[in-house]
Structure formats: C-alpha cells, structure tokens
C-alpha atoms as a PDB file:
ATOM      1  CA  MET A   1     116.115  35.452  96.419  1.00  0.00           C
ATOM      2  CA  THR A   2     119.013  37.878  96.446  1.00  0.00           C
ATOM      3  CA  HIS A   3     120.446  40.234  93.887  1.00  0.00           C
ATOM      4  CA  ASP A   4     123.876  39.508  92.430  1.00  0.00           C
ATOM      5  CA  THR A   5     126.317  41.771  94.217  1.00  0.00           C
ATOM      6  CA  GLY A   6     129.278  40.924  92.055  1.00  0.00           C
ATOM      7  CA  GLY A   7     131.294  39.504  94.917  1.00  0.00           C
ATOM      8  CA  GLY A   8     130.537  42.337  97.318  1.00  0.00           C
ATOM      9  CA  PRO A   9     128.660  42.136 100.618  1.00  0.00           C
ATOM     10  CA  ALA A  10     125.592  39.907 100.629  1.00  0.00           C
ATOM     11  CA  ALA A  11     122.447  41.733  99.552  1.00  0.00           C
ATOM     12  CA  ILE A  12     119.385  41.857 101.753  1.00  0.00           C
ATOM     13  CA  PRO A  13     116.955  39.212 100.473  1.00  0.00           C
ATOM     14  CA  GLU A  14     113.844  40.527  98.797  1.00  0.00           C
ATOM     15  CA  SER A  15     110.778  40.433 100.979  1.00  0.00           C
ATOM     16  CA  HIS A  16     107.838  38.273 100.064  1.00  0.00           C
ATOM     17  CA  GLN A  17     105.817  41.478  99.651  1.00  0.00           C
ATOM     18  CA  VAL A  18     108.147  42.726  96.918  1.00  0.00           C
ATOM     19  CA  ARG A  19     107.970  39.420  95.062  1.00  0.00           C
ATOM     20  CA  PHE A  20     104.198  39.162  95.407  1.00  0.00           C
ATOM     21  CA  HIS A  21     103.460  42.690  94.177  1.00  0.00           C
ATOM     22  CA  ARG A  22     105.811  42.211  91.224  1.00  0.00           C
ATOM     23  CA  ARG A  23     104.274  38.832  90.303  1.00  0.00           C
ATOM     24  CA  TRP A  24     100.635  39.931  90.586  1.00  0.00           C
ATOM     25  CA  PRO A  25     100.445  43.642  89.691  1.00  0.00           C
ATOM     26  CA  ALA A  26      97.007  43.359  88.082  1.00  0.00           C
ATOM     27  CA  LEU A  27      95.228  41.549  90.921  1.00  0.00           C
ATOM     28  CA  ARG A  28      93.103  43.848  93.072  1.00  0.00           C
ATOM     29  CA  ASP A  29      90.133  41.736  94.188  1.00  0.00           C
ATOM     30  CA  PRO A  30      90.874  40.737  97.818  1.00  0.00           C
ATOM     31  CA  HIS A  31      89.587  37.158  97.464  1.00  0.00           C
ATOM     32  CA  VAL A  32      91.548  36.544  94.272  1.00  0.00           C
ATOM     33  CA  ARG A  33      94.664  38.029  95.856  1.00  0.00           C
ATOM     34  CA  ALA A  34      94.216  35.774  98.883  1.00  0.00           C
ATOM     35  CA  LEU A  35      93.909  32.717  96.643  1.00  0.00           C
ATOM     36  CA  ALA A  36      96.916  33.822  94.582  1.00  0.00           C
ATOM     37  CA  TRP A  37      98.876  34.046  97.846  1.00  0.00           C
ATOM     38  CA  LEU A  38      97.870  30.524  98.862  1.00  0.00           C
ATOM     39  CA  LEU A  39      99.077  29.187  95.522  1.00  0.00           C
ATOM     40  CA  TYR A  40     102.189  31.365  95.190  1.00  0.00           C
ATOM     41  CA  ALA A  41     103.538  31.748  98.731  1.00  0.00           C
ATOM     42  CA  PRO A  42     106.335  29.422  99.826  1.00  0.00           C
ATOM     43  CA  ASP A  43     105.354  26.504 102.019  1.00  0.00           C
ATOM     44  CA  LEU A  44     105.963  27.024 105.718  1.00  0.00           C
ATOM     45  CA  MET A  45     107.517  23.575 106.166  1.00  0.00           C
ATOM     46  CA  ALA A  46     110.478  22.230 104.173  1.00  0.00           C
ATOM     47  CA  ALA A  47     109.337  19.196 102.194  1.00  0.00           C
ATOM     48  CA  ASP A  48     112.834  17.658 102.196  1.00  0.00           C
ATOM     49  CA  ALA A  49     113.469  18.037 105.944  1.00  0.00           C
ATOM     50  CA  PRO A  50     114.152  14.591 107.480  1.00  0.00           C
ATOM     51  CA  CYS A  51     111.962  15.331 110.517  1.00  0.00           C
ATOM     52  CA  TRP A  52     108.808  15.205 108.385  1.00  0.00           C
ATOM     53  CA  GLU A  53     109.602  11.783 106.904  1.00  0.00           C
ATOM     54  CA  GLY A  54     108.362  12.733 103.442  1.00  0.00           C
ATOM     55  CA  ARG A  55     104.907  13.782 104.644  1.00  0.00           C
ATOM     56  CA  ILE A  56     104.846  17.429 103.539  1.00  0.00           C
ATOM     57  CA  ALA A  57     102.555  18.234 100.613  1.00  0.00           C
ATOM     58  CA  THR A  58     103.229  21.080  98.211  1.00  0.00           C
ATOM     59  CA  LEU A  59     101.307  22.718  95.392  1.00  0.00           C
ATOM     60  CA  GLY A  60     104.458  23.403  93.415  1.00  0.00           C
ATOM     61  CA  ALA A  61     105.114  26.298  91.065  1.00  0.00           C
ATOM     62  CA  ILE A  62     102.207  28.121  89.435  1.00  0.00           C
ATOM     63  CA  SER A  63     101.859  27.214  85.771  1.00  0.00           C
ATOM     64  CA  PRO A  64     101.131  29.860  83.109  1.00  0.00           C
ATOM     65  CA  GLU A  65      97.666  28.337  82.748  1.00  0.00           C
ATOM     66  CA  VAL A  66      96.869  28.769  86.446  1.00  0.00           C
ATOM     67  CA  ALA A  67      98.264  32.322  86.401  1.00  0.00           C
ATOM     68  CA  GLY A  68      95.924  33.121  83.512  1.00  0.00           C
ATOM     69  CA  TRP A  69      93.035  31.483  85.355  1.00  0.00           C
ATOM     70  CA  LEU A  70      93.655  33.713  88.382  1.00  0.00           C
ATOM     71  CA  HIS A  71      93.384  36.815  86.209  1.00  0.00           C
ATOM     72  CA  ASP A  72      90.212  35.399  84.625  1.00  0.00           C
ATOM     73  CA  LEU A  73      88.857  34.783  88.116  1.00  0.00           C
ATOM     74  CA  GLN A  74      89.048  38.507  88.750  1.00  0.00           C
ATOM     75  CA  GLU A  75      87.897  39.758  85.349  1.00  0.00           C
ATOM     76  CA  ASP A  76      85.391  37.186  84.069  1.00  0.00           C
ATOM     77  CA  PRO A  77      81.935  37.943  85.559  1.00  0.00           C
ATOM     78  CA  VAL A  78      80.728  34.327  85.427  1.00  0.00           C
ATOM     79  CA  LEU A  79      83.848  32.856  87.002  1.00  0.00           C
ATOM     80  CA  HIS A  80      84.017  35.606  89.619  1.00  0.00           C
ATOM     81  CA  ALA A  81      80.359  35.053  90.497  1.00  0.00           C
ATOM     82  CA  ALA A  82      81.104  31.354  90.994  1.00  0.00           C
ATOM     83  CA  LEU A  83      83.845  32.247  93.473  1.00  0.00           C
ATOM     84  CA  GLN A  84      81.551  34.644  95.330  1.00  0.00           C
ATOM     85  CA  ALA A  85      78.814  32.014  95.545  1.00  0.00           C
ATOM     86  CA  HIS A  86      81.299  29.434  96.827  1.00  0.00           C
ATOM     87  CA  LEU A  87      82.498  31.769  99.571  1.00  0.00           C
ATOM     88  CA  ALA A  88      78.941  32.807 100.489  1.00  0.00           C
ATOM     89  CA  HIS A  89      77.912  29.197 101.183  1.00  0.00           C
ATOM     90  CA  ASN A  90      78.281  28.566 104.929  1.00  0.00           C
ATOM     91  CA  PRO A  91      80.542  31.602 105.463  1.00  0.00           C
ATOM     92  CA  SER A  92      82.860  31.678 108.448  1.00  0.00           C
ATOM     93  CA  ALA A  93      84.788  34.393 110.270  1.00  0.00           C
ATOM     94  CA  ARG A  94      87.574  31.859 110.946  1.00  0.00           C
ATOM     95  CA  LEU A  95      90.642  32.457 108.814  1.00  0.00           C
ATOM     96  CA  GLY A  96      91.381  28.747 108.521  1.00  0.00           C
ATOM     97  CA  ARG A  97      87.944  28.024 107.071  1.00  0.00           C
ATOM     98  CA  TYR A  98      88.207  30.975 104.694  1.00  0.00           C
ATOM     99  CA  ALA A  99      91.552  29.678 103.395  1.00  0.00           C
ATOM    100  CA  GLU A 100      90.104  26.164 103.057  1.00  0.00           C
ATOM    101  CA  LYS A 101      87.186  27.473 101.005  1.00  0.00           C
ATOM    102  CA  LEU A 102      89.514  29.390  98.689  1.00  0.00           C
ATOM    103  CA  LEU A 103      91.783  26.403  98.144  1.00  0.00           C
ATOM    104  CA  GLY A 104      88.788  24.077  97.793  1.00  0.00           C
ATOM    105  CA  PHE A 105      87.404  26.284  95.007  1.00  0.00           C
ATOM    106  CA  TYR A 106      90.729  26.118  93.183  1.00  0.00           C
ATOM    107  CA  LEU A 107      90.983  22.321  93.518  1.00  0.00           C
ATOM    108  CA  GLN A 108      87.396  21.956  92.343  1.00  0.00           C
ATOM    109  CA  GLN A 109      88.021  24.148  89.312  1.00  0.00           C
ATOM    110  CA  GLN A 110      91.144  22.163  88.454  1.00  0.00           C
ATOM    111  CA  GLY A 111      89.211  18.881  88.610  1.00  0.00           C
ATOM    112  CA  TRP A 112      91.382  17.444  91.399  1.00  0.00           C
ATOM    113  CA  LEU A 113      88.961  17.608  94.322  1.00  0.00           C
ATOM    114  CA  VAL A 114      87.126  14.484  95.438  1.00  0.00           C
ATOM    115  CA  ALA A 115      85.928  15.645  98.874  1.00  0.00           C
ATOM    116  CA  ALA A 116      86.516  18.485 101.335  1.00  0.00           C
ATOM    117  CA  ASN A 117      85.944  18.577 105.099  1.00  0.00           C
ATOM    118  CA  LEU A 118      84.846  14.934 105.120  1.00  0.00           C
ATOM    119  CA  GLN A 119      84.139  13.939 108.713  1.00  0.00           C
ATOM    120  CA  VAL A 120      84.829  10.536 110.238  1.00  0.00           C
ATOM    121  CA  ARG A 121      82.591   9.506 113.137  1.00  0.00           C
ATOM    122  CA  ASN A 122      82.717   6.605 115.504  1.00  0.00           C
ATOM    123  CA  ASN A 123      79.251   5.077 115.242  1.00  0.00           C
ATOM    124  CA  GLN A 124      79.971   2.243 117.642  1.00  0.00           C
ATOM    125  CA  GLY A 125      79.551   4.089 120.921  1.00  0.00           C
ATOM    126  CA  VAL A 126      76.617   5.894 122.477  1.00  0.00           C
ATOM    127  CA  THR A 127      77.989   9.387 121.796  1.00  0.00           C
ATOM    128  CA  ARG A 128      79.002   8.798 118.152  1.00  0.00           C
ATOM    129  CA  GLU A 129      81.819  11.307 118.507  1.00  0.00           C
ATOM    130  CA  THR A 130      83.642  12.858 115.572  1.00  0.00           C
ATOM    131  CA  LEU A 131      87.082  11.279 115.243  1.00  0.00           C
ATOM    132  CA  GLY A 132      88.477  13.747 112.727  1.00  0.00           C
ATOM    133  CA  GLU A 133      88.052  15.342 109.343  1.00  0.00           C
ATOM    134  CA  PHE A 134      89.787  14.968 106.012  1.00  0.00           C
ATOM    135  CA  ASP A 135      90.517  18.532 104.906  1.00  0.00           C
ATOM    136  CA  PHE A 136      90.973  17.546 101.252  1.00  0.00           C
ATOM    137  CA  LEU A 137      90.812  14.278  99.390  1.00  0.00           C
ATOM    138  CA  VAL A 138      92.218  14.688  95.901  1.00  0.00           C
ATOM    139  CA  HIS A 139      93.211  12.624  92.927  1.00  0.00           C
ATOM    140  CA  PRO A 140      96.965  13.000  92.619  1.00  0.00           C
ATOM    141  CA  PRO A 141      97.437  15.844  90.133  1.00  0.00           C
ATOM    142  CA  GLU A 142     100.505  14.155  88.655  1.00  0.00           C
ATOM    143  CA  SER A 143      98.755  10.805  88.199  1.00  0.00           C
ATOM    144  CA  ALA A 144      96.072   9.502  85.865  1.00  0.00           C
ATOM    145  CA  ASP A 145      95.111   6.923  88.488  1.00  0.00           C
ATOM    146  CA  ASP A 146      91.625   7.747  89.765  1.00  0.00           C
ATOM    147  CA  THR A 147      91.264   4.631  91.895  1.00  0.00           C
ATOM    148  CA  SER A 148      93.232   6.017  94.828  1.00  0.00           C
ATOM    149  CA  LEU A 149      93.226   9.206  96.854  1.00  0.00           C
ATOM    150  CA  VAL A 150      95.687  11.577  98.433  1.00  0.00           C
ATOM    151  CA  HIS A 151      94.790  13.189 101.779  1.00  0.00           C
ATOM    152  CA  TRP A 152      95.982  16.770 102.251  1.00  0.00           C
ATOM    153  CA  GLU A 153      95.792  18.155 105.771  1.00  0.00           C
ATOM    154  CA  PHE A 154      95.743  21.907 105.213  1.00  0.00           C
ATOM    155  CA  ALA A 155      96.735  24.621 107.692  1.00  0.00           C
ATOM    156  CA  THR A 156      97.354  28.353 107.437  1.00  0.00           C
ATOM    157  CA  LYS A 157      99.198  29.492 110.541  1.00  0.00           C
ATOM    158  CA  PHE A 158     100.685  32.646 112.073  1.00  0.00           C
ATOM    159  CA  TYR A 159     103.227  32.342 114.877  1.00  0.00           C
ATOM    160  CA  LEU A 160     105.442  34.752 116.812  1.00  0.00           C
ATOM    161  CA  LEU A 161     108.876  33.660 118.004  1.00  0.00           C
ATOM    162  CA  GLU A 162     109.288  34.339 121.731  1.00  0.00           C
ATOM    163  CA  PRO A 163     112.292  32.332 122.979  1.00  0.00           C
ATOM    164  CA  ARG A 164     113.233  32.459 126.662  1.00  0.00           C
ATOM    165  CA  SER A 165     116.830  31.786 125.634  1.00  0.00           C
ATOM    166  CA  ALA A 166     118.928  31.174 122.540  1.00  0.00           C
ATOM    167  CA  ASP A 167     118.398  27.428 122.984  1.00  0.00           C
ATOM    168  CA  ASP A 168     114.623  27.851 122.992  1.00  0.00           C
ATOM    169  CA  ALA A 169     114.816  29.566 119.588  1.00  0.00           C
ATOM    170  CA  ASN A 170     115.694  26.129 118.173  1.00  0.00           C
ATOM    171  CA  ASP A 171     112.432  24.654 119.480  1.00  0.00           C
ATOM    172  CA  ALA A 172     109.265  24.954 117.400  1.00  0.00           C
ATOM    173  CA  ASP A 173     107.247  25.439 120.600  1.00  0.00           C
ATOM    174  CA  ALA A 174     108.885  28.866 120.936  1.00  0.00           C
ATOM    175  CA  PHE A 175     106.722  29.967 117.992  1.00  0.00           C
ATOM    176  CA  VAL A 176     103.414  30.810 119.660  1.00  0.00           C
ATOM    177  CA  GLY A 177     100.076  31.921 118.266  1.00  0.00           C
ATOM    178  CA  PRO A 178      98.910  35.482 118.922  1.00  0.00           C
ATOM    179  CA  ASN A 179      96.406  34.262 121.516  1.00  0.00           C
ATOM    180  CA  LEU A 180      99.011  31.915 123.106  1.00  0.00           C
ATOM    181  CA  ALA A 181      96.652  28.937 122.795  1.00  0.00           C
ATOM    182  CA  ASP A 182      98.788  27.214 120.185  1.00  0.00           C
ATOM    183  CA  SER A 183     102.383  26.757 119.095  1.00  0.00           C
ATOM    184  CA  LEU A 184     104.027  25.643 115.869  1.00  0.00           C
ATOM    185  CA  GLY A 185     105.484  22.581 117.572  1.00  0.00           C
ATOM    186  CA  ARG A 186     102.153  21.549 119.052  1.00  0.00           C
ATOM    187  CA  LYS A 187     100.339  22.046 115.743  1.00  0.00           C
ATOM    188  CA  MET A 188     102.807  19.982 113.729  1.00  0.00           C
ATOM    189  CA  ARG A 189     102.791  17.172 116.289  1.00  0.00           C
ATOM    190  CA  LYS A 190      99.019  17.021 116.078  1.00  0.00           C
ATOM    191  CA  ILE A 191      99.083  16.966 112.280  1.00  0.00           C
ATOM    192  CA  MET A 192     101.770  14.296 112.050  1.00  0.00           C
ATOM    193  CA  GLN A 193     100.714  12.047 114.922  1.00  0.00           C
ATOM    194  CA  GLN A 194      96.923  12.316 114.643  1.00  0.00           C
ATOM    195  CA  GLN A 195      95.428  14.008 111.622  1.00  0.00           C
ATOM    196  CA  LEU A 196      97.539  12.322 108.943  1.00  0.00           C
ATOM    197  CA  GLN A 197      96.713   8.937 110.507  1.00  0.00           C
ATOM    198  CA  LEU A 198      92.960   9.346 110.080  1.00  0.00           C
ATOM    199  CA  SER A 199      92.646   7.108 107.024  1.00  0.00           C
ATOM    200  CA  HIS A 200      94.039   4.186 109.055  1.00  0.00           C
ATOM    201  CA  HIS A 201      91.174   4.282 111.547  1.00  0.00           C
ATOM    202  CA  PRO A 202      88.608   1.493 110.890  1.00  0.00           C
ATOM    203  CA  ALA A 203      85.758   4.031 110.909  1.00  0.00           C
ATOM    204  CA  ALA A 204      87.287   5.887 107.941  1.00  0.00           C
ATOM    205  CA  ALA A 205      86.478   3.050 105.570  1.00  0.00           C
ATOM    206  CA  ALA A 206      82.767   3.857 105.889  1.00  0.00           C
ATOM    207  CA  VAL A 207      83.167   7.321 104.342  1.00  0.00           C
ATOM    208  CA  LEU A 208      86.191   7.038 102.051  1.00  0.00           C
ATOM    209  CA  PRO A 209      85.199   6.723  98.373  1.00  0.00           C
ATOM    210  CA  ALA A 210      88.549   5.049  97.586  1.00  0.00           C
ATOM    211  CA  PRO A 211      91.701   4.014  99.473  1.00  0.00           C
ATOM    212  CA  VAL A 212      94.076   6.757 100.634  1.00  0.00           C
ATOM    213  CA  THR A 213      97.535   5.951  99.306  1.00  0.00           C
ATOM    214  CA  TRP A 214      99.372   8.946 100.797  1.00  0.00           C
ATOM    215  CA  ALA A 215      98.723  11.685 103.344  1.00  0.00           C
ATOM    216  CA  GLY A 216     100.656  14.921 103.714  1.00  0.00           C
ATOM    217  CA  ALA A 217     100.552  18.288 105.460  1.00  0.00           C
ATOM    218  CA  LEU A 218     100.100  21.369 103.277  1.00  0.00           C
ATOM    219  CA  VAL A 219     101.070  24.304 105.502  1.00  0.00           C
ATOM    220  CA  LYS A 220     101.114  27.990 104.563  1.00  0.00           C
ATOM    221  CA  GLY A 221     101.615  30.970 106.816  1.00  0.00           C
ATOM    222  CA  TRP A 222     103.824  33.709 108.201  1.00  0.00           C
ATOM    223  CA  LEU A 223     106.346  33.645 111.055  1.00  0.00           C
ATOM    224  CA  PHE A 224     106.992  36.800 113.067  1.00  0.00           C
ATOM    225  CA  TYR A 225     110.254  37.714 114.779  1.00  0.00           C
ATOM    226  CA  ARG A 226     110.949  40.243 117.514  1.00  0.00           C
ATOM    227  CA  GLN A 227     111.727  43.595 115.919  1.00  0.00           C
ATOM    228  CA  GLY A 228     115.408  43.774 115.051  1.00  0.00           C
ATOM    229  CA  MET A 229     116.025  40.038 115.493  1.00  0.00           C
ATOM    230  CA  GLN A 230     118.200  38.539 112.776  1.00  0.00           C
ATOM    231  CA  MET A 231     118.530  34.791 112.936  1.00  0.00           C
ATOM    232  CA  ALA A 232     118.634  31.692 110.785  1.00  0.00           C
ATOM    233  CA  LEU A 233     116.628  28.745 112.035  1.00  0.00           C
ATOM    234  CA  PRO A 234     118.362  25.360 112.249  1.00  0.00           C
ATOM    235  CA  ALA A 235     117.500  22.976 109.420  1.00  0.00           C
ATOM    236  CA  SER A 236     116.492  20.379 112.015  1.00  0.00           C
ATOM    237  CA  MET A 237     113.308  22.393 112.746  1.00  0.00           C
ATOM    238  CA  GLY A 238     111.998  21.593 109.270  1.00  0.00           C
ATOM    239  CA  ILE A 239     110.929  25.179 108.498  1.00  0.00           C
ATOM    240  CA  ALA A 240     111.407  26.311 104.905  1.00  0.00           C
ATOM    241  CA  GLY A 241     114.216  28.827 104.572  1.00  0.00           C
ATOM    242  CA  ASP A 242     112.189  31.096 102.277  1.00  0.00           C
ATOM    243  CA  HIS A 243     109.100  31.255 104.494  1.00  0.00           C
ATOM    244  CA  CYS A 244     107.076  34.476 104.767  1.00  0.00           C
ATOM    245  CA  ARG A 245     108.404  36.672 107.584  1.00  0.00           C
ATOM    246  CA  GLY A 246     107.191  39.610 109.633  1.00  0.00           C
ATOM    247  CA  PHE A 247     108.050  41.397 112.879  1.00  0.00           C
ATOM    248  CA  TRP A 248     106.457  41.878 116.262  1.00  0.00           C
ATOM    249  CA  CYS A 249     106.918  44.704 118.738  1.00  0.00           C
ATOM    250  CA  ASP A 250     105.036  46.921 121.158  1.00  0.00           C
ATOM    251  CA  ALA A 251     103.802  50.460 120.443  1.00  0.00           C
ATOM    252  CA  GLN A 252     107.100  52.038 121.472  1.00  0.00           C
ATOM    253  CA  GLY A 253     108.997  49.674 119.205  1.00  0.00           C
ATOM    254  CA  LEU A 254     106.834  50.713 116.275  1.00  0.00           C
ATOM    255  CA  ARG A 255     107.596  54.365 117.018  1.00  0.00           C
ATOM    256  CA  GLU A 256     111.320  53.616 116.999  1.00  0.00           C
ATOM    257  CA  GLN A 257     111.285  52.058 113.531  1.00  0.00           C
ATOM    258  CA  HIS A 258     108.788  54.481 111.983  1.00  0.00           C
ATOM    259  CA  GLN A 259     109.777  56.395 108.856  1.00  0.00           C
ATOM    260  CA  PRO A 260     108.037  59.646 107.832  1.00  0.00           C
ATOM    261  CA  GLU A 261     106.637  58.135 104.630  1.00  0.00           C
ATOM    262  CA  ASP A 262     105.131  55.098 106.383  1.00  0.00           C
ATOM    263  CA  ARG A 263     101.381  54.586 106.413  1.00  0.00           C
ATOM    264  CA  TYR A 264      99.602  51.759 108.222  1.00  0.00           C
ATOM    265  CA  LEU A 265      96.621  49.472 107.843  1.00  0.00           C
ATOM    266  CA  ILE A 266      95.045  47.428 110.620  1.00  0.00           C
ATOM    267  CA  LEU A 267      94.424  44.060 108.983  1.00  0.00           C
ATOM    268  CA  PRO A 268      91.242  42.203 109.964  1.00  0.00           C
ATOM    269  CA  ARG A 269      91.740  38.469 110.358  1.00  0.00           C
ATOM    270  CA  LEU A 270      90.401  37.496 106.929  1.00  0.00           C
ATOM    271  CA  ALA A 271      92.927  39.887 105.347  1.00  0.00           C
ATOM    272  CA  TRP A 272      95.982  38.192 106.880  1.00  0.00           C
ATOM    273  CA  LEU A 273      96.916  36.081 103.851  1.00  0.00           C
ATOM    274  CA  ALA A 274      98.081  38.215 100.920  1.00  0.00           C
ATOM    275  CA  PRO A 275     100.155  41.407 101.178  1.00  0.00           C
ATOM    276  CA  ALA A 276      97.790  44.373 101.457  1.00  0.00           C
ATOM    277  CA  ARG A 277      96.800  46.654  98.596  1.00  0.00           C
ATOM    278  CA  GLU A 278      94.264  49.317  99.504  1.00  0.00           C
ATOM    279  CA  PRO A 279      93.094  52.841  98.571  1.00  0.00           C
ATOM    280  CA  VAL A 280      95.238  55.584 100.073  1.00  0.00           C
ATOM    281  CA  GLY A 281      92.309  56.924 102.067  1.00  0.00           C
ATOM    282  CA  ARG A 282      92.283  53.840 104.289  1.00  0.00           C
ATOM    283  CA  GLY A 283      95.830  54.405 105.514  1.00  0.00           C
ATOM    284  CA  LEU A 284      96.658  55.646 109.000  1.00  0.00           C
ATOM    285  CA  ALA A 285      99.475  57.879 110.182  1.00  0.00           C
ATOM    286  CA  LEU A 286     101.448  56.522 113.124  1.00  0.00           C
ATOM    287  CA  ASP A 287      99.658  58.596 115.752  1.00  0.00           C
ATOM    288  CA  GLU A 288      96.267  57.655 114.278  1.00  0.00           C
ATOM    289  CA  LEU A 289      97.214  53.987 114.417  1.00  0.00           C
ATOM    290  CA  LEU A 290      98.413  54.118 118.018  1.00  0.00           C
ATOM    291  CA  GLY A 291      95.338  56.133 118.937  1.00  0.00           C
ATOM    292  CA  LYS A 292      93.230  53.172 117.822  1.00  0.00           C
ATOM    293  CA  LEU A 293      95.423  50.451 119.304  1.00  0.00           C
ATOM    294  CA  GLU A 294      95.977  51.743 122.827  1.00  0.00           C
ATOM    295  CA  PRO A 295      92.322  51.914 123.957  1.00  0.00           C
ATOM    296  CA  GLY A 296      91.616  48.661 122.158  1.00  0.00           C
ATOM    297  CA  PHE A 297      94.270  46.861 124.209  1.00  0.00           C
ATOM    298  CA  LEU A 298      92.390  47.822 127.377  1.00  0.00           C
ATOM    299  CA  VAL A 299      89.498  45.547 126.378  1.00  0.00           C
ATOM    300  CA  ASP A 300      91.274  42.933 124.235  1.00  0.00           C
ATOM    301  CA  GLU A 301      94.790  41.736 125.075  1.00  0.00           C
ATOM    302  CA  SER A 302      95.376  40.099 121.689  1.00  0.00           C
ATOM    303  CA  PRO A 303      98.147  41.354 119.380  1.00  0.00           C
ATOM    304  CA  VAL A 304      96.947  43.279 116.323  1.00  0.00           C
ATOM    305  CA  MET A 305      98.193  42.612 112.790  1.00  0.00           C
ATOM    306  CA  VAL A 306      99.375  45.783 111.050  1.00  0.00           C
ATOM    307  CA  ALA A 307     100.640  46.312 107.509  1.00  0.00           C
ATOM    308  CA  ARG A 308     103.263  48.992 106.989  1.00  0.00           C
ATOM    309  CA  CYS A 309     102.725  50.526 103.564  1.00  0.00           C
ATOM    310  CA  ARG A 310     104.098  52.971 101.045  1.00  0.00           C
ATOM    311  CA  ILE A 311     102.058  55.090  98.679  1.00  0.00           C
ATOM    312  CA  GLU A 312     102.228  53.796  95.101  1.00  0.00           C
ATOM    313  CA  PRO A 313     101.607  56.698  92.714  1.00  0.00           C
ATOM    314  CA  GLY A 314      99.387  56.244  89.679  1.00  0.00           C
ATOM    315  CA  VAL A 315      96.091  57.264  88.176  1.00  0.00           C
ATOM    316  CA  GLU A 316      94.620  56.194  91.494  1.00  0.00           C
ATOM    317  CA  ALA A 317      97.275  56.159  94.197  1.00  0.00           C
ATOM    318  CA  GLU A 318      97.294  53.026  96.352  1.00  0.00           C
ATOM    319  CA  LEU A 319      98.788  51.771  99.567  1.00  0.00           C
ATOM    320  CA  ILE A 320     101.139  48.848  98.961  1.00  0.00           C
ATOM    321  CA  GLU A 321     102.307  46.698 101.881  1.00  0.00           C
ATOM    322  CA  THR A 322     106.064  46.690 102.396  1.00  0.00           C
ATOM    323  CA  ASP A 323     106.193  44.901 105.749  1.00  0.00           C
ATOM    324  CA  ARG A 324     103.831  43.488 108.349  1.00  0.00           C
ATOM    325  CA  GLY A 325     103.880  42.757 112.007  1.00  0.00           C
ATOM    326  CA  PHE A 326     101.951  42.134 115.183  1.00  0.00           C
ATOM    327  CA  ILE A 327     101.755  45.016 117.627  1.00  0.00           C
ATOM    328  CA  VAL A 328     101.546  43.406 121.049  1.00  0.00           C
ATOM    329  CA  PRO A 329      99.785  44.895 124.092  1.00  0.00           C
ATOM    330  CA  PRO A 330     101.479  45.591 127.443  1.00  0.00           C
ATOM    331  CA  GLY A 331     102.249  42.370 129.287  1.00  0.00           C
ATOM    332  CA  TRP A 332     101.949  40.101 126.220  1.00  0.00           C
ATOM    333  CA  GLU A 333     105.675  39.373 126.092  1.00  0.00           C
ATOM    334  CA  GLN A 334     105.697  38.126 129.685  1.00  0.00           C
ATOM    335  CA  ARG A 335     102.638  35.940 129.082  1.00  0.00           C
ATOM    336  CA  ALA A 336     104.221  34.548 125.905  1.00  0.00           C
ATOM    337  CA  ALA A 337     107.484  33.726 127.693  1.00  0.00           C
ATOM    338  CA  SER A 338     105.538  31.842 130.366  1.00  0.00           C
ATOM    339  CA  SER A 339     103.611  29.955 127.685  1.00  0.00           C
ATOM    340  CA  VAL A 340     106.849  28.977 125.957  1.00  0.00           C
ATOM    341  CA  ARG A 341     108.401  27.848 129.246  1.00  0.00           C
ATOM    342  CA  HIS A 342     105.524  25.484 129.884  1.00  0.00           C
ATOM    343  CA  ALA A 343     105.600  24.150 126.329  1.00  0.00           C
ATOM    344  CA  VAL A 344     109.374  23.740 125.996  1.00  0.00           C
ATOM    345  CA  ILE A 345     110.140  22.118 129.354  1.00  0.00           C
ATOM    346  CA  GLY A 346     106.735  20.575 129.951  1.00  0.00           C
ATOM    347  CA  VAL A 347     106.069  22.263 133.283  1.00  0.00           C
END
C-alpha cells in the first residue's frame, strides 16, 4: 500500500507494522495478537504464481464477524479461557506448533475443522513408520459440501536472504533459515512434492474420514533482507509482493542505523509472529541490547530476533514495534554464504 503522491515521487510503502497496529489498536493479549496476525498478514507465497500450479491456499480477507470475534476472544472470559485451555493442551516451545494450535483453534471455532495433525502410518512393514501428517483437514469454507475434504499444509517460516551474487538472489534457496538448516526453496519443494501428495498414498485411506478433493500450502512468515538492501524479487519465484519484511545485520550495522529515540526488544521465538506491543519498562537502549547480545553469541551462534520500537504515549505508555530484524553473530554471514552455495549449485 502506498499513499497517493499526486504524481510526485513514489512514496515509501507502509510497513506491515504500521498496517497491523492501525488495524488492531485494541488487541493487547499476546496470543490473540498472534492469531490476528496469522489471519491478517499477507500470505508469503503468491497464489496466482504459475510455479505453484494453483496449489497455494489462502484464508482471504478478514470479515467483520471474524474481526469482532477476535476482540471477543480477548475480552470475553469464557472464550478467552477456551483459548488458554487449547494452548495449554500438549504445549510446545516450537513456533510452528504454536502457530498450528492458534490456527486450529480458529478453524474449530468457525466450524471448518475436521482433523488436525492427523498422522498417516505405513502398517505393512515391521517398523510401521510414519509417512506424513495432514496439518489440517477442513470442509471447504466456501462450500456446503461436507462429503469431501480440503487438505491445508500449514507453515510459518522466517528466512534471511544471503545471495552470493545477484543471480543467486533470484533463487529461493538463497533465503536461509536463521540456523542454516533450511531454505525457502527446500521447504517449498518438500511441501509441493511430498506433503501435498500425502492423500494419494494408499495408507492414507485408512485414516481419512472422507476423500481429499484438493490440497494446498498455506504459508505465512517474514523475509529478512540485508540492512540497506532494496530489491524487488522476480515474479517467477512465486513470493507475494506484499509479504512481511524485515532486515538483518550485525551489531555494528545496528549501531549505524540507530536513532536516538529507538528502543529495542529481544523477541523470544513464540513472539515472532505479530508486531510487538509491550510495556515501556521492557525496552532496551542500544548499549543495553548489545550488552546482552555479545556474550550470548559466544555460547550460541544463532541470530537473534529484535524488534525496534518507538514509545507510544498514552495513559500507560507502550513500546510499539516499527521494524524488526535478525542480529547475526560474527561469522554467520560466511556460514550462510557457504550454505547457499551448496544449496544453489548442489555442491
């Protein structure tokens, strides 16, 4: 989204943070905000991109009824207790599972959910290995037909672009996970070539309550670009043009872009979904932040997610996220470039 400039120079597009805070000013509960983000945030993959062959699922725009339900979820004690109980059942520290539980609660409340995390096992062999799992089986929301199912393979992903060259920036494998064990290209190949084919396996018939008529990938997330990098991705990559964006840099890079009014939050993994909104007292000055990061990098070489915030005045002043990024430890960039080289050219 851009502002009308009346024929002048193109305006800087609004950040997702600005849009989110404007759309959901009354939401403060972290779980409700995370669910609102899952429903409101743009999809990571472009549903109309030819490379996906029509196999990208989308939740569509939020209706007024769902927007009202989200506010009720925060304010109504009974409904909020139901959410808390749902999250407390088999809790997980994994962000993907947390996001699945939030979305599963929403689908259940809407009456669309048939099954979640339904495993398919091969019972023919000695080991009886697990062949895969249906993330969500739903009745098509737009259809009154309850004799067939739709399979949604759900993923919430965070990738940093580390191209070795300009050509590599056009390859989805140049988007790597913070721990370098995954890439966007690898993840999407697995979803398309394996996970969305699960209903065709003979063993799936034993657990499916009805035939699966369509399977699609529902992918949310954020992509992070080297600080100062301005680039448009080619349409052939199939990434939505309005996807959520952030930056990545090292400690010195953060110093270089710091503004005096900036305050920071270190975001734990389960707080990576929605833009942050926290009490002012939790904010860190730049030197406080770096004082926590630098010794931490000596024992853990993983990048750290940080929200850059401004102070929102009010009866109770709050920190409101304006931008977010991964601060990478020394040597991460070289390791990432090596990971991309192996992925892109198959060494």
